[in-house]
Amino acid sequence: MTKKKRDNTNDYVNNKDFFVAMVAWKDLVIEAENSGESRPPVTDYIGECFLKIAEHLSYKPNFINYPYREEMVGDGIENCLMYAHNFNPEKSKNPFSYFTQIIYYAFLRRIEKEKKQSYIKYKILENANDGIIRNWFKENYFDVSKVDNAEDKKQAMFEHFRLNDNDIEKFTPKKKKKKKAKKNLDVFLEDDKSEDSPSE
């Protein structure tokens, strides 16, 4: 059975062209560093590749439903621009994979940051009275009847803020245990004796 050759015509980023563009830009970066000049900006083509990778990654099932998808894409592009100079053509000939990883972790950081903000909003609402919560549900187009019993209210807020019990546990600040001073009678008596002893 013959192996089918992969059809690259539908790829949104041509990895070979992207690599050539990155090599040419890296040469300019090295040249600028050697002459003490500031780093040159990436080319329009490289920037376009960053945008395409970030946009397509954001449509993956594990990212598409987040309401802050645009912020994720923005973070991904920003991270690519910040760390583009670290790409080493001698170590990797796959810039597509390299920048996909950078964008992926930028997405995860944004999700974590947004979840923390959601946790803060959730805690504020959790401690609010029922009238405030009912108004909040109305303003956010939620079914107000969901706040009628405590368990439904909690579940509805979890759904809206995309939180679960693990998130609540993770973001809840841990109480610092106060170190108790050791009451050692012997140490106390020794100190007392040294103060009472006559000086030479």
Protein backbone atom coordinates (compact mmCIF):
# COMPACT_ATOMS: atom_id res chain seq x y z
CA MET A 1 0.00 0.00 0.00
CA THR A 2 1.48 3.31 -1.04
CA LYS A 3 1.58 6.16 1.41
CA LYS A 4 -0.43 9.20 0.37
CA LYS A 5 1.59 12.35 0.01
CA ARG A 6 0.29 15.12 2.27
CA ASP A 7 -1.47 17.89 0.41
CA ASN A 8 -0.16 21.24 1.68
CA THR A 9 -2.33 23.40 -0.55
CA ASN A 10 -4.85 24.06 2.26
CA ASP A 11 -2.27 24.92 4.93
CA TYR A 12 -2.83 28.46 6.14
CA VAL A 13 0.90 28.96 6.82
CA ASN A 14 3.53 27.54 4.48
CA ASN A 15 6.22 26.33 6.88
CA LYS A 16 9.02 26.44 4.28
CA ASP A 17 8.30 30.06 3.32
CA PHE A 18 7.88 30.96 6.99
CA PHE A 19 11.26 29.41 7.79
CA VAL A 20 12.99 31.30 4.94
CA ALA A 21 11.43 34.56 6.18
CA MET A 22 12.54 33.86 9.75
CA VAL A 23 16.12 33.08 8.66
CA ALA A 24 16.31 36.34 6.66
CA TRP A 25 14.91 38.32 9.63
CA LYS A 26 17.26 36.60 12.09
CA ASP A 27 20.21 37.66 9.91
CA LEU A 28 19.02 41.27 10.19
CA VAL A 29 18.65 40.87 13.98
CA ILE A 30 22.22 39.55 14.35
CA GLU A 31 23.53 42.31 12.09
CA ALA A 32 21.72 44.96 14.18
CA GLU A 33 23.02 43.49 17.45
CA ASN A 34 26.60 43.46 16.15
CA SER A 35 26.41 47.10 15.08
CA GLY A 36 24.71 48.15 18.35
CA GLU A 37 21.44 49.14 16.67
CA SER A 38 17.95 48.32 17.91
CA ARG A 39 16.32 45.09 16.78
CA PRO A 40 14.42 45.45 13.47
CA PRO A 41 10.66 44.84 13.52
CA VAL A 42 9.37 41.59 12.03
CA THR A 43 8.25 41.71 8.42
CA ASP A 44 4.59 41.97 7.45
CA TYR A 45 4.69 38.36 6.24
CA ILE A 46 6.00 37.08 9.61
CA GLY A 47 3.40 39.16 11.47
CA GLU A 48 0.70 37.74 9.21
CA CYS A 49 1.88 34.21 10.03
CA PHE A 50 1.67 34.95 13.78
CA LEU A 51 -1.88 36.24 13.30
CA LYS A 52 -2.96 33.21 11.26
CA ILE A 53 -1.49 30.72 13.73
CA ALA A 54 -3.11 32.47 16.70
CA GLU A 55 -6.51 32.80 14.96
CA HIS A 56 -6.59 29.16 13.86
CA LEU A 57 -5.45 27.87 17.26
CA SER A 58 -8.19 29.91 18.95
CA TYR A 59 -10.80 27.99 16.90
CA LYS A 60 -9.73 24.65 18.38
CA PRO A 61 -12.47 23.03 20.51
CA ASN A 62 -10.58 23.65 23.78
CA PHE A 63 -10.37 27.42 23.13
CA ILE A 64 -13.25 28.51 20.88
CA ASN A 65 -15.96 28.97 23.52
CA TYR A 66 -14.09 31.39 25.74
CA PRO A 67 -15.68 34.87 25.65
CA TYR A 68 -12.22 36.49 25.75
CA ARG A 69 -10.94 34.66 22.65
CA GLU A 70 -9.81 37.95 21.05
CA GLU A 71 -7.69 38.79 24.10
CA MET A 72 -6.14 35.32 23.84
CA VAL A 73 -5.24 35.93 20.20
CA GLY A 74 -3.77 39.33 21.10
CA ASP A 75 -1.67 37.80 23.88
CA GLY A 76 -0.44 35.08 21.54
CA ILE A 77 0.70 37.58 18.88
CA GLU A 78 2.31 39.80 21.52
CA ASN A 79 4.27 36.85 22.91
CA CYS A 80 5.43 35.88 19.41
CA LEU A 81 6.70 39.42 18.80
CA MET A 82 8.45 39.47 22.18
CA TYR A 83 10.24 36.15 21.70
CA ALA A 84 10.66 35.94 17.90
CA HIS A 85 14.37 36.76 18.24
CA ASN A 86 14.87 33.56 20.29
CA PHE A 87 14.01 31.34 17.33
CA ASN A 88 17.17 29.51 16.32
CA PRO A 89 17.19 28.26 12.69
CA GLU A 90 20.15 26.01 13.48
CA LYS A 91 18.17 24.09 16.10
CA SER A 92 14.76 24.01 14.41
CA LYS A 93 13.50 24.26 10.87
CA ASN A 94 9.89 24.38 12.06
CA PRO A 95 8.91 27.94 13.05
CA PHE A 96 5.23 27.01 12.74
CA SER A 97 5.51 24.55 15.63
CA TYR A 98 7.76 26.87 17.66
CA PHE A 99 5.34 29.80 17.53
CA THR A 100 2.27 27.57 17.95
CA GLN A 101 3.73 26.50 21.31
CA ILE A 102 4.36 30.13 22.33
CA ILE A 103 0.76 31.04 21.43
CA TYR A 104 -0.65 27.95 23.16
CA TYR A 105 0.99 28.86 26.47
CA ALA A 106 -0.07 32.51 26.06
CA PHE A 107 -3.67 31.25 25.74
CA LEU A 108 -3.33 29.18 28.92
CA ARG A 109 -1.95 32.18 30.83
CA ARG A 110 -4.85 34.36 29.63
CA ILE A 111 -7.39 31.70 30.66
CA GLU A 112 -5.78 31.48 34.10
CA LYS A 113 -5.80 35.29 34.48
CA GLU A 114 -9.45 35.54 33.38
CA LYS A 115 -10.48 32.70 35.69
CA LYS A 116 -8.88 34.51 38.60
CA GLN A 117 -10.86 37.65 37.71
CA SER A 118 -14.01 35.53 37.43
CA TYR A 119 -13.29 34.04 40.83
CA ILE A 120 -13.10 37.55 42.34
CA LYS A 121 -16.44 38.50 40.73
CA TYR A 122 -17.94 35.22 41.91
CA LYS A 123 -16.79 35.80 45.50
CA ILE A 124 -18.23 39.33 45.47
CA LEU A 125 -21.58 37.99 44.25
CA GLU A 126 -21.49 35.01 46.60
CA ASN A 127 -21.39 37.35 49.58
CA ALA A 128 -24.02 39.74 48.19
CA ASN A 129 -27.67 39.64 49.23
CA ASP A 130 -30.27 37.94 47.04
CA GLY A 131 -31.66 41.23 45.68
CA ILE A 132 -28.27 42.23 44.26
CA ILE A 133 -27.77 38.76 42.79
CA ARG A 134 -31.23 38.79 41.17
CA ASN A 135 -30.47 42.19 39.57
CA TRP A 136 -27.11 40.93 38.34
CA PHE A 137 -28.77 37.89 36.75
CA LYS A 138 -31.31 40.16 35.01
CA GLU A 139 -28.57 42.49 33.69
CA ASN A 140 -26.59 39.53 32.36
CA TYR A 141 -29.62 37.93 30.65
CA PHE A 142 -29.67 34.97 33.02
CA ASP A 143 -32.80 33.11 34.08
CA VAL A 144 -33.68 34.82 37.38
CA SER A 145 -35.53 31.71 38.59
CA LYS A 146 -32.12 30.01 38.89
CA VAL A 147 -31.34 32.06 41.99
CA ASP A 148 -34.35 30.81 43.92
CA ASN A 149 -32.45 28.08 45.71
CA ALA A 150 -28.85 28.20 46.88
CA GLU A 151 -27.55 25.18 44.91
CA ASP A 152 -29.02 26.38 41.58
CA LYS A 153 -27.64 29.87 42.21
CA LYS A 154 -24.13 28.51 42.79
CA GLN A 155 -24.33 26.28 39.70
CA ALA A 156 -25.63 29.14 37.52
CA MET A 157 -22.79 31.41 38.64
CA PHE A 158 -20.27 28.62 38.05
CA GLU A 159 -21.58 28.22 34.49
CA HIS A 160 -21.50 31.94 33.80
CA PHE A 161 -17.98 32.45 35.19
CA ARG A 162 -16.71 29.11 33.80
CA LEU A 163 -15.57 28.02 37.22
CA ASN A 164 -15.67 24.73 39.05
CA ASP A 165 -14.89 23.55 42.59
CA ASN A 166 -11.22 23.00 41.66
CA ASP A 167 -10.90 26.61 40.47
CA ILE A 168 -12.47 27.88 43.69
CA GLU A 169 -10.03 25.81 45.74
CA LYS A 170 -7.08 26.94 43.61
CA PHE A 171 -7.82 30.66 43.84
CA THR A 172 -8.95 30.77 47.46
CA PRO A 173 -6.06 32.31 49.40
CA LYS A 174 -4.53 29.91 51.88
CA LYS A 175 -4.59 31.10 55.46
CA LYS A 176 -1.10 31.56 56.81
CA LYS A 177 -0.52 29.75 60.04
CA LYS A 178 0.88 31.96 62.73
CA LYS A 179 4.02 30.59 64.24
CA LYS A 180 3.52 30.12 67.91
CA ALA A 181 6.40 31.32 70.04
CA LYS A 182 7.83 28.43 71.98
CA LYS A 183 7.37 28.94 75.65
CA ASN A 184 10.37 27.28 77.11
CA LEU A 185 10.51 27.77 80.86
CA ASP A 186 14.20 26.84 81.04
CA VAL A 187 15.17 29.52 78.48
CA PHE A 188 13.06 32.06 80.37
CA LEU A 189 14.69 31.17 83.69
CA GLU A 190 18.19 31.26 82.17
CA ASP A 191 17.57 34.74 80.77
CA ASP A 192 16.19 35.84 84.12
CA LYS A 193 19.22 34.46 85.96
CA SER A 194 21.69 36.18 83.63
CA GLU A 195 19.97 39.52 84.27
CA ASP A 196 20.10 38.99 88.06
CA SER A 197 23.75 37.85 88.16
CA PRO A 198 26.20 40.56 89.33
CA SER A 199 28.45 41.98 86.65
CA GLU A 200 32.19 41.44 87.05
